[in-house]
């Protein structure tokens, strides 16, 4: 009996090609599923978070408080993480500009998650919670409130390292730490 090496090679190659095609199809299916989830997540942030942040920006500006919203919906980066939005408040005292903590809002399409960080792009250091899509208004407002409180705590910070607290109290959990720049 002689071995049929031609048949052996042909079958092995065909089995490999089938495995590779199956693996490629699985990857394409996972990517499509992730893209659908990303679309849902962006829709959740657009409907539940952005309108509240826009309202806060307008209301705060009437009181001389600047606020900034940054959307991170880039699909390339979001393939590894959920789409997100950051929100921070800025203020001026005696020619110096101050920045409060950053509220971080993210979604997986079904749930809105809110956290607070000391700086942008460093991830939420403190998770405030999560709520189902359509039921997150109070949680989003809480994140906005934390950034606003943090701004005023930052502005009240004394140069010698002492911290002045508001009569209403400071529940931000962040000690004021930095002036961004002094006016010339």
N, C-alpha and C. Protein backbone atom coordinates (compact mmCIF):
# COMPACT_ATOMS: atom_id res chain seq x y z
N UNK A 1 0.84 -1.17 0.00
CA UNK A 1 0.00 0.00 0.00
C UNK A 1 0.89 1.24 0.00
N UNK A 2 0.58 2.12 -0.91
CA UNK A 2 1.39 3.34 -0.97
C UNK A 2 0.53 4.52 -0.53
N UNK A 3 1.18 5.45 0.12
CA UNK A 3 0.49 6.64 0.62
C UNK A 3 0.22 7.59 -0.54
N UNK A 4 -0.97 8.19 -0.54
CA UNK A 4 -1.34 9.16 -1.58
C UNK A 4 -1.04 10.56 -1.05
N UNK A 5 0.20 11.01 -1.26
CA UNK A 5 0.63 12.30 -0.74
C UNK A 5 -0.06 13.47 -1.43
N UNK A 6 -0.39 13.28 -2.69
CA UNK A 6 -1.13 14.34 -3.41
C UNK A 6 -2.48 14.58 -2.73
N UNK A 7 -3.20 13.52 -2.45
CA UNK A 7 -4.51 13.63 -1.80
C UNK A 7 -4.35 14.19 -0.38
N UNK A 8 -3.32 13.74 0.34
CA UNK A 8 -3.06 14.21 1.69
C UNK A 8 -2.84 15.72 1.70
N UNK A 9 -2.01 16.21 0.81
CA UNK A 9 -1.70 17.64 0.72
C UNK A 9 -2.95 18.43 0.32
N UNK A 10 -3.69 17.93 -0.62
CA UNK A 10 -4.90 18.61 -1.10
C UNK A 10 -5.94 18.72 0.01
N UNK A 11 -6.15 17.64 0.75
CA UNK A 11 -7.13 17.66 1.84
C UNK A 11 -6.69 18.57 2.99
N UNK A 12 -5.41 18.54 3.33
CA UNK A 12 -4.90 19.39 4.40
C UNK A 12 -5.03 20.87 4.02
N UNK A 13 -4.69 21.16 2.76
CA UNK A 13 -4.79 22.55 2.31
C UNK A 13 -6.25 23.00 2.29
N UNK A 14 -7.15 22.17 1.83
CA UNK A 14 -8.58 22.51 1.80
C UNK A 14 -9.12 22.71 3.21
N UNK A 15 -8.74 21.85 4.14
CA UNK A 15 -9.19 21.98 5.53
C UNK A 15 -8.67 23.28 6.13
N UNK A 16 -7.43 23.63 5.84
CA UNK A 16 -6.87 24.90 6.33
C UNK A 16 -7.63 26.09 5.75
N UNK A 17 -7.88 26.07 4.45
CA UNK A 17 -8.61 27.17 3.81
C UNK A 17 -10.02 27.32 4.36
N UNK A 18 -10.67 26.21 4.66
CA UNK A 18 -12.01 26.27 5.25
C UNK A 18 -11.96 26.85 6.66
N UNK A 19 -10.97 26.43 7.45
CA UNK A 19 -10.81 26.99 8.80
C UNK A 19 -10.55 28.49 8.74
N UNK A 20 -9.70 28.92 7.82
CA UNK A 20 -9.37 30.35 7.69
C UNK A 20 -10.59 31.14 7.21
N UNK A 21 -11.37 30.60 6.30
CA UNK A 21 -12.58 31.28 5.83
C UNK A 21 -13.60 31.39 6.96
N UNK A 22 -13.74 30.32 7.76
CA UNK A 22 -14.65 30.34 8.90
C UNK A 22 -14.20 31.38 9.92
N UNK A 23 -12.91 31.41 10.22
CA UNK A 23 -12.36 32.38 11.17
C UNK A 23 -12.56 33.81 10.66
N UNK A 24 -12.33 34.03 9.40
CA UNK A 24 -12.53 35.35 8.81
C UNK A 24 -14.00 35.77 8.89
N UNK A 25 -14.91 34.83 8.64
CA UNK A 25 -16.34 35.13 8.72
C UNK A 25 -16.74 35.45 10.16
N UNK A 26 -16.18 34.72 11.13
CA UNK A 26 -16.47 35.00 12.54
C UNK A 26 -15.99 36.40 12.91
N UNK A 27 -14.80 36.78 12.46
CA UNK A 27 -14.28 38.12 12.75
C UNK A 27 -15.17 39.19 12.12
N UNK A 28 -15.60 38.98 10.90
CA UNK A 28 -16.48 39.94 10.23
C UNK A 28 -17.82 40.04 10.96
N UNK A 29 -18.35 38.91 11.42
CA UNK A 29 -19.61 38.92 12.17
C UNK A 29 -19.46 39.66 13.49
N UNK A 30 -18.33 39.42 14.20
CA UNK A 30 -18.08 40.14 15.47
C UNK A 30 -17.95 41.64 15.23
N UNK A 31 -17.25 42.01 14.16
CA UNK A 31 -17.09 43.43 13.84
C UNK A 31 -18.44 44.07 13.53
N UNK A 32 -19.26 43.39 12.76
CA UNK A 32 -20.60 43.93 12.45
C UNK A 32 -21.45 44.07 13.70
N UNK A 33 -21.38 43.08 14.59
CA UNK A 33 -22.14 43.15 15.84
C UNK A 33 -21.64 44.32 16.69
N UNK A 34 -20.31 44.50 16.75
CA UNK A 34 -19.75 45.62 17.52
C UNK A 34 -20.17 46.96 16.90
N UNK A 35 -20.18 47.06 15.59
CA UNK A 35 -20.61 48.29 14.93
C UNK A 35 -22.08 48.61 15.25
N UNK A 36 -22.92 47.57 15.29
CA UNK A 36 -24.33 47.79 15.66
C UNK A 36 -24.43 48.29 17.11
N UNK A 37 -23.63 47.70 18.01
CA UNK A 37 -23.61 48.15 19.40
C UNK A 37 -23.10 49.59 19.50
N UNK A 38 -22.09 49.92 18.72
CA UNK A 38 -21.56 51.29 18.72
C UNK A 38 -22.62 52.27 18.24
N UNK A 39 -23.35 51.90 17.20
CA UNK A 39 -24.44 52.77 16.73
C UNK A 39 -25.47 52.99 17.84
N UNK A 40 -25.81 51.92 18.55
CA UNK A 40 -26.76 52.04 19.66
C UNK A 40 -26.19 52.91 20.78
N UNK A 41 -24.90 52.75 21.06
CA UNK A 41 -24.27 53.53 22.13
C UNK A 41 -24.23 55.01 21.78
N UNK A 42 -23.88 55.33 20.56
CA UNK A 42 -23.86 56.74 20.13
C UNK A 42 -25.27 57.31 20.17
N UNK A 43 -26.25 56.53 19.75
CA UNK A 43 -27.65 56.98 19.80
C UNK A 43 -28.08 57.24 21.25
N UNK A 44 -27.67 56.37 22.17
CA UNK A 44 -28.02 56.55 23.58
C UNK A 44 -27.40 57.83 24.13
N UNK A 45 -26.13 58.07 23.84
CA UNK A 45 -25.47 59.28 24.31
C UNK A 45 -26.08 60.52 23.67
N UNK A 46 -26.43 60.41 22.39
CA UNK A 46 -27.01 61.54 21.67
C UNK A 46 -28.39 61.89 22.21
N UNK A 47 -29.16 60.89 22.60
CA UNK A 47 -30.51 61.17 23.08
C UNK A 47 -30.58 61.47 24.58
N UNK A 48 -29.73 60.82 25.38
CA UNK A 48 -29.84 60.94 26.84
C UNK A 48 -28.87 61.94 27.46
N UNK A 49 -27.69 62.10 26.87
CA UNK A 49 -26.65 62.90 27.52
C UNK A 49 -26.46 64.26 26.85
N UNK A 50 -26.29 64.29 25.55
CA UNK A 50 -25.96 65.54 24.86
C UNK A 50 -26.98 66.64 25.10
N UNK A 51 -28.29 66.38 25.04
CA UNK A 51 -29.23 67.49 25.29
C UNK A 51 -29.07 68.10 26.68
N UNK A 52 -28.79 67.29 27.68
CA UNK A 52 -28.60 67.81 29.04
C UNK A 52 -27.31 68.62 29.14
N UNK A 53 -26.25 68.14 28.51
CA UNK A 53 -24.99 68.88 28.52
C UNK A 53 -25.14 70.22 27.79
N UNK A 54 -25.86 70.20 26.68
CA UNK A 54 -26.09 71.45 25.94
C UNK A 54 -26.90 72.44 26.77
N UNK A 55 -27.90 71.94 27.48
CA UNK A 55 -28.69 72.81 28.37
C UNK A 55 -27.81 73.39 29.47
N UNK A 56 -26.94 72.57 30.04
CA UNK A 56 -26.04 73.04 31.10
C UNK A 56 -25.09 74.09 30.57
N UNK A 57 -24.55 73.89 29.39
CA UNK A 57 -23.61 74.86 28.80
C UNK A 57 -24.28 76.21 28.64
N UNK A 58 -25.51 76.21 28.13
CA UNK A 58 -26.24 77.47 27.93
C UNK A 58 -26.56 78.13 29.28
N UNK A 59 -27.06 77.36 30.22
CA UNK A 59 -27.42 77.90 31.53
C UNK A 59 -26.18 78.42 32.27
N UNK A 60 -25.10 77.66 32.24
CA UNK A 60 -23.89 78.07 32.93
C UNK A 60 -23.32 79.34 32.31
N UNK A 61 -23.38 79.45 30.98
CA UNK A 61 -22.82 80.64 30.33
C UNK A 61 -23.55 81.91 30.75
N UNK A 62 -24.82 81.80 31.06
CA UNK A 62 -25.57 82.96 31.55
C UNK A 62 -25.06 83.44 32.91
N UNK A 63 -24.33 82.57 33.58
CA UNK A 63 -23.77 82.91 34.90
C UNK A 63 -22.25 83.09 34.82
N UNK A 64 -21.72 83.24 33.62
CA UNK A 64 -20.29 83.48 33.43
C UNK A 64 -19.42 82.26 33.60
N UNK A 65 -19.99 81.08 33.51
CA UNK A 65 -19.24 79.84 33.67
C UNK A 65 -19.12 79.17 32.30
N UNK A 66 -17.90 78.93 31.90
CA UNK A 66 -17.68 78.23 30.63
C UNK A 66 -17.73 76.73 30.86
N UNK A 67 -18.25 76.02 29.90
CA UNK A 67 -18.28 74.56 29.97
C UNK A 67 -17.93 74.02 28.59
N UNK A 68 -17.31 72.87 28.59
CA UNK A 68 -16.85 72.27 27.34
C UNK A 68 -17.26 70.80 27.29
N UNK A 69 -17.80 70.41 26.16
CA UNK A 69 -18.19 69.02 25.93
C UNK A 69 -17.31 68.48 24.81
N UNK A 70 -16.77 67.27 25.00
CA UNK A 70 -15.95 66.63 23.98
C UNK A 70 -16.53 65.25 23.70
N UNK A 71 -16.83 64.99 22.44
CA UNK A 71 -17.38 63.69 22.03
C UNK A 71 -16.25 62.81 21.52
N UNK A 72 -16.25 61.57 21.92
CA UNK A 72 -15.29 60.59 21.42
C UNK A 72 -16.08 59.44 20.81
N UNK A 73 -16.49 59.68 19.57
CA UNK A 73 -17.28 58.68 18.86
C UNK A 73 -16.50 58.05 17.71
N UNK A 74 -15.18 58.26 17.67
CA UNK A 74 -14.37 57.74 16.57
C UNK A 74 -14.46 56.21 16.55
N UNK A 75 -14.93 55.68 15.45
CA UNK A 75 -15.17 54.24 15.35
C UNK A 75 -13.89 53.43 15.54
N UNK A 76 -12.78 53.91 15.00
CA UNK A 76 -11.53 53.16 15.12
C UNK A 76 -11.17 52.93 16.58
N UNK A 77 -11.25 53.98 17.40
CA UNK A 77 -10.93 53.85 18.81
C UNK A 77 -12.04 53.11 19.57
N UNK A 78 -13.26 53.31 19.15
CA UNK A 78 -14.40 52.72 19.86
C UNK A 78 -14.54 51.22 19.62
N UNK A 79 -13.79 50.67 18.68
CA UNK A 79 -13.86 49.22 18.49
C UNK A 79 -13.34 48.52 19.74
N UNK A 80 -12.50 49.20 20.52
CA UNK A 80 -11.94 48.62 21.74
C UNK A 80 -12.63 49.11 23.01
N UNK A 81 -13.30 50.26 22.93
CA UNK A 81 -13.96 50.83 24.11
C UNK A 81 -15.27 51.47 23.68
N UNK A 82 -16.12 51.75 24.64
CA UNK A 82 -17.41 52.34 24.34
C UNK A 82 -17.26 53.81 23.97
N UNK A 83 -18.14 54.33 23.11
CA UNK A 83 -18.14 55.76 22.81
C UNK A 83 -18.35 56.55 24.10
N UNK A 84 -17.78 57.74 24.15
CA UNK A 84 -17.87 58.52 25.38
C UNK A 84 -17.95 60.01 25.09
N UNK A 85 -18.35 60.74 26.13
CA UNK A 85 -18.40 62.20 26.10
C UNK A 85 -17.79 62.66 27.42
N UNK A 86 -16.97 63.72 27.35
CA UNK A 86 -16.49 64.33 28.57
C UNK A 86 -17.07 65.74 28.67
N UNK A 87 -17.18 66.20 29.90
CA UNK A 87 -17.76 67.52 30.18
C UNK A 87 -16.97 68.14 31.32
N UNK A 88 -16.56 69.38 31.13
CA UNK A 88 -15.85 70.07 32.21
C UNK A 88 -16.25 71.54 32.22
N UNK A 89 -16.06 72.14 33.38
CA UNK A 89 -16.37 73.55 33.58
C UNK A 89 -15.07 74.33 33.76
N UNK A 90 -15.05 75.55 33.23
CA UNK A 90 -13.89 76.43 33.33
C UNK A 90 -14.34 77.75 33.93
N UNK A 91 -13.46 78.37 34.71
CA UNK A 91 -13.79 79.66 35.31
C UNK A 91 -12.54 80.51 35.48
N UNK A 92 -12.75 81.80 35.73
CA UNK A 92 -11.65 82.75 35.92
C UNK A 92 -11.81 83.46 37.25
N UNK A 93 -10.68 83.63 37.94
CA UNK A 93 -10.63 84.42 39.16
C UNK A 93 -9.30 85.17 39.13
N UNK A 94 -9.35 86.46 39.33
CA UNK A 94 -8.14 87.28 39.39
C UNK A 94 -7.20 87.01 38.21
N UNK A 95 -7.76 86.86 37.03
CA UNK A 95 -6.95 86.68 35.83
C UNK A 95 -6.45 85.27 35.61
N UNK A 96 -6.70 84.37 36.52
CA UNK A 96 -6.25 82.98 36.35
C UNK A 96 -7.44 82.12 35.92
N UNK A 97 -7.17 81.18 35.03
CA UNK A 97 -8.23 80.28 34.58
C UNK A 97 -8.14 78.98 35.36
N UNK A 98 -9.28 78.49 35.80
CA UNK A 98 -9.38 77.25 36.57
C UNK A 98 -10.22 76.24 35.82
N UNK A 99 -9.94 74.99 36.12
CA UNK A 99 -10.66 73.89 35.49
C UNK A 99 -11.08 72.91 36.57
N UNK A 100 -12.34 72.54 36.56
CA UNK A 100 -12.83 71.56 37.52
C UNK A 100 -12.61 70.15 37.02
N UNK A 101 -13.03 69.15 37.77
CA UNK A 101 -12.91 67.76 37.33
C UNK A 101 -13.76 67.53 36.08
N UNK A 102 -13.54 66.42 35.45
CA UNK A 102 -14.20 66.08 34.20
C UNK A 102 -15.23 64.98 34.46
N UNK A 103 -16.46 65.21 33.99
CA UNK A 103 -17.46 64.15 34.03
C UNK A 103 -17.31 63.32 32.76
N UNK A 104 -17.33 62.02 32.91
CA UNK A 104 -17.17 61.10 31.79
C UNK A 104 -18.46 60.30 31.62
N UNK A 105 -19.03 60.37 30.43
CA UNK A 105 -20.28 59.68 30.12
C UNK A 105 -19.98 58.66 29.02
N UNK A 106 -20.39 57.42 29.23
CA UNK A 106 -20.19 56.40 28.20
C UNK A 106 -21.44 55.53 28.13
N UNK A 107 -21.53 54.76 27.06
CA UNK A 107 -22.68 53.89 26.90
C UNK A 107 -22.31 52.66 26.11
N UNK A 108 -23.01 51.58 26.41
CA UNK A 108 -22.88 50.36 25.62
C UNK A 108 -24.11 50.18 24.73
N UNK A 109 -24.98 51.19 24.72
CA UNK A 109 -26.19 51.14 23.92
C UNK A 109 -27.43 50.93 24.76
N UNK A 110 -27.29 50.21 25.86
CA UNK A 110 -28.42 49.94 26.73
C UNK A 110 -28.34 50.72 28.04
N UNK A 111 -27.11 51.03 28.46
CA UNK A 111 -26.87 51.65 29.76
C UNK A 111 -25.98 52.87 29.57
N UNK A 112 -26.28 53.94 30.33
CA UNK A 112 -25.43 55.12 30.39
C UNK A 112 -24.62 55.01 31.68
N UNK A 113 -23.30 55.16 31.59
CA UNK A 113 -22.41 55.10 32.74
C UNK A 113 -21.78 56.48 32.92
N UNK A 114 -21.72 56.93 34.18
CA UNK A 114 -21.18 58.25 34.49
C UNK A 114 -20.09 58.11 35.55
N UNK A 115 -19.00 58.83 35.32
CA UNK A 115 -17.91 58.87 36.28
C UNK A 115 -17.28 60.24 36.29
N UNK A 116 -16.38 60.46 37.21
CA UNK A 116 -15.68 61.74 37.32
C UNK A 116 -14.19 61.46 37.40
N UNK A 117 -13.41 62.28 36.70
CA UNK A 117 -11.95 62.17 36.70
C UNK A 117 -11.35 63.53 36.97
N UNK A 118 -10.13 63.54 37.46
CA UNK A 118 -9.45 64.82 37.71
C UNK A 118 -9.02 65.48 36.41
N UNK A 119 -8.69 64.68 35.40
CA UNK A 119 -8.22 65.21 34.12
C UNK A 119 -8.94 64.51 32.98
N UNK A 120 -8.96 65.19 31.83
CA UNK A 120 -9.51 64.58 30.64
C UNK A 120 -8.61 63.45 30.17
N UNK A 121 -9.18 62.48 29.47
CA UNK A 121 -8.45 61.38 28.85
C UNK A 121 -7.72 60.48 29.84
N UNK A 122 -8.15 60.46 31.09
CA UNK A 122 -7.47 59.56 32.03
C UNK A 122 -8.45 58.52 32.57
N UNK A 123 -9.66 58.49 32.05
CA UNK A 123 -10.64 57.54 32.54
C UNK A 123 -11.26 58.02 33.84
N UNK A 124 -12.45 57.58 34.08
CA UNK A 124 -13.15 58.01 35.29
C UNK A 124 -12.50 57.40 36.53
N UNK A 125 -12.03 58.27 37.41
CA UNK A 125 -11.41 57.81 38.65
C UNK A 125 -12.46 57.35 39.65
N UNK A 126 -13.63 57.96 39.55
CA UNK A 126 -14.72 57.61 40.46
C UNK A 126 -15.98 57.37 39.64
N UNK A 127 -16.52 56.19 39.75
CA UNK A 127 -17.75 55.86 39.04
C UNK A 127 -18.93 56.36 39.86
N UNK A 128 -19.77 57.18 39.23
CA UNK A 128 -20.95 57.69 39.93
C UNK A 128 -22.14 56.74 39.80
N UNK A 129 -22.12 55.92 38.77
CA UNK A 129 -23.19 54.96 38.61
C UNK A 129 -23.55 54.75 37.16
N UNK A 130 -24.59 53.96 36.95
CA UNK A 130 -25.09 53.71 35.60
C UNK A 130 -26.61 53.59 35.69
N UNK A 131 -27.24 53.87 34.56
CA UNK A 131 -28.70 53.83 34.50
C UNK A 131 -29.11 53.38 33.10
N UNK A 132 -30.26 52.73 33.00
CA UNK A 132 -30.73 52.31 31.68
C UNK A 132 -30.99 53.51 30.77
N UNK A 133 -30.80 53.27 29.51
CA UNK A 133 -31.09 54.30 28.51
C UNK A 133 -32.54 54.77 28.70
N UNK A 134 -32.71 56.08 28.67
CA UNK A 134 -34.04 56.66 28.86
C UNK A 134 -34.37 56.95 30.31
N UNK A 135 -33.53 56.49 31.24
CA UNK A 135 -33.76 56.70 32.67
C UNK A 135 -32.54 57.28 33.36
N UNK A 136 -31.70 58.00 32.61
CA UNK A 136 -30.41 58.43 33.15
C UNK A 136 -30.33 59.93 33.46
N UNK A 137 -31.41 60.67 33.35
CA UNK A 137 -31.36 62.12 33.51
C UNK A 137 -30.80 62.54 34.87
N UNK A 138 -31.26 61.93 35.95
CA UNK A 138 -30.76 62.29 37.28
C UNK A 138 -29.27 61.99 37.43
N UNK A 139 -28.83 60.87 36.89
CA UNK A 139 -27.43 60.49 36.97
C UNK A 139 -26.56 61.45 36.15
N UNK A 140 -27.00 61.80 34.96
CA UNK A 140 -26.26 62.75 34.12
C UNK A 140 -26.19 64.10 34.83
N UNK A 141 -27.31 64.55 35.40
CA UNK A 141 -27.33 65.82 36.13
C UNK A 141 -26.37 65.77 37.32
N UNK A 142 -26.27 64.62 37.97
CA UNK A 142 -25.35 64.46 39.10
C UNK A 142 -23.90 64.63 38.62
N UNK A 143 -23.56 64.06 37.48
CA UNK A 143 -22.22 64.22 36.92
C UNK A 143 -21.92 65.68 36.59
N UNK A 144 -22.88 66.38 36.03
CA UNK A 144 -22.72 67.80 35.72
C UNK A 144 -22.53 68.59 37.02
N UNK A 145 -23.33 68.28 38.04
CA UNK A 145 -23.21 68.98 39.32
C UNK A 145 -21.83 68.79 39.93
N UNK A 146 -21.29 67.57 39.82
CA UNK A 146 -19.97 67.30 40.39
C UNK A 146 -18.89 68.13 39.70
N UNK A 147 -19.00 68.30 38.38
CA UNK A 147 -18.00 69.12 37.68
C UNK A 147 -18.13 70.58 38.09
N UNK A 148 -19.34 71.05 38.24
CA UNK A 148 -19.56 72.44 38.64
C UNK A 148 -19.05 72.68 40.07
N UNK A 149 -19.39 71.80 40.99
CA UNK A 149 -18.89 71.91 42.37
C UNK A 149 -17.37 71.86 42.40
N UNK A 150 -16.80 71.00 41.60
CA UNK A 150 -15.34 70.87 41.54
C UNK A 150 -14.67 72.12 41.01
N UNK A 151 -15.30 72.78 40.05
CA UNK A 151 -14.76 74.03 39.54
C UNK A 151 -14.68 75.07 40.65
N UNK A 152 -15.78 75.23 41.37
CA UNK A 152 -15.79 76.24 42.43
C UNK A 152 -14.83 75.87 43.56
N UNK A 153 -14.69 74.59 43.85
CA UNK A 153 -13.70 74.18 44.85
C UNK A 153 -12.30 74.53 44.37
N UNK A 154 -12.04 74.34 43.10
CA UNK A 154 -10.74 74.69 42.52
C UNK A 154 -10.50 76.19 42.59
N UNK A 155 -11.52 76.97 42.31
CA UNK A 155 -11.38 78.43 42.33
C UNK A 155 -11.19 78.97 43.75
N UNK A 156 -11.72 78.26 44.74
CA UNK A 156 -11.60 78.69 46.13
C UNK A 156 -10.27 78.31 46.75
N UNK A 157 -9.50 77.54 46.04
CA UNK A 157 -8.21 77.05 46.54
C UNK A 157 -7.28 78.22 46.79
N UNK A 158 -6.73 78.25 48.00
CA UNK A 158 -5.79 79.31 48.38
C UNK A 158 -4.40 78.96 47.88
N UNK A 159 -3.62 79.96 47.42
CA UNK A 159 -2.27 79.69 46.89
C UNK A 159 -1.34 79.02 47.89
N UNK A 160 -1.53 79.22 49.19
CA UNK A 160 -0.62 78.62 50.17
C UNK A 160 -0.97 77.16 50.48
N UNK A 161 -1.90 76.61 49.73
CA UNK A 161 -2.25 75.20 49.92
C UNK A 161 -3.48 75.00 50.78
N UNK A 162 -3.98 76.06 51.39
CA UNK A 162 -5.20 75.93 52.17
C UNK A 162 -6.38 75.90 51.23
N UNK A 163 -7.43 75.23 51.62
CA UNK A 163 -8.61 75.13 50.79
C UNK A 163 -9.77 75.81 51.47
N UNK A 164 -10.35 76.78 50.80
CA UNK A 164 -11.56 77.42 51.33
C UNK A 164 -12.75 76.63 50.83
N UNK A 165 -13.67 76.32 51.69
CA UNK A 165 -14.85 75.55 51.31
C UNK A 165 -16.07 76.46 51.24
N UNK A 166 -16.94 76.13 50.36
CA UNK A 166 -18.18 76.88 50.21
C UNK A 166 -19.05 76.68 51.45
N UNK A 167 -19.88 77.65 51.74
CA UNK A 167 -20.80 77.51 52.87
C UNK A 167 -21.77 76.37 52.63
N UNK A 168 -22.01 76.07 51.36
CA UNK A 168 -22.92 74.97 51.03
C UNK A 168 -22.23 73.63 51.16
N UNK A 169 -20.91 73.66 51.32
CA UNK A 169 -20.16 72.41 51.42
C UNK A 169 -19.66 71.99 50.07
N UNK A 170 -18.65 71.16 50.09
CA UNK A 170 -18.07 70.67 48.86
C UNK A 170 -18.13 69.16 48.89
N UNK A 171 -18.90 68.62 47.99
CA UNK A 171 -19.03 67.17 47.97
C UNK A 171 -18.40 66.58 46.72
N UNK A 172 -17.41 67.28 46.15
CA UNK A 172 -16.82 66.77 44.93
C UNK A 172 -15.88 65.61 45.18
N UNK A 173 -15.25 65.58 46.33
CA UNK A 173 -14.29 64.53 46.60
C UNK A 173 -12.93 64.81 46.00
N UNK A 174 -12.76 65.96 45.34
CA UNK A 174 -11.49 66.30 44.74
C UNK A 174 -10.94 67.54 45.40
N UNK A 175 -9.71 67.51 45.81
CA UNK A 175 -9.06 68.70 46.36
C UNK A 175 -8.62 69.56 45.20
N UNK A 176 -8.87 70.85 45.25
CA UNK A 176 -8.43 71.73 44.18
C UNK A 176 -6.91 71.68 44.08
N UNK A 177 -6.40 71.61 42.86
CA UNK A 177 -4.97 71.42 42.73
C UNK A 177 -4.27 72.33 41.74
N UNK A 178 -4.95 72.92 40.77
CA UNK A 178 -4.16 73.56 39.74
C UNK A 178 -4.81 74.79 39.13
N UNK A 179 -4.00 75.75 38.84
CA UNK A 179 -4.37 76.89 38.01
C UNK A 179 -3.86 76.56 36.63
N UNK A 180 -4.64 76.82 35.62
CA UNK A 180 -4.20 76.49 34.28
C UNK A 180 -3.20 77.49 33.75
N UNK A 181 -3.54 78.78 33.86
CA UNK A 181 -2.60 79.80 33.40
C UNK A 181 -3.03 81.14 33.97
N UNK A 182 -2.06 81.98 34.20
CA UNK A 182 -2.37 83.33 34.68
C UNK A 182 -2.46 84.25 33.48
N UNK A 183 -3.32 85.25 33.59
CA UNK A 183 -3.45 86.24 32.52
C UNK A 183 -2.21 87.11 32.52
N UNK A 184 -1.84 87.62 31.35
CA UNK A 184 -0.66 88.47 31.26
C UNK A 184 -1.00 89.91 31.45
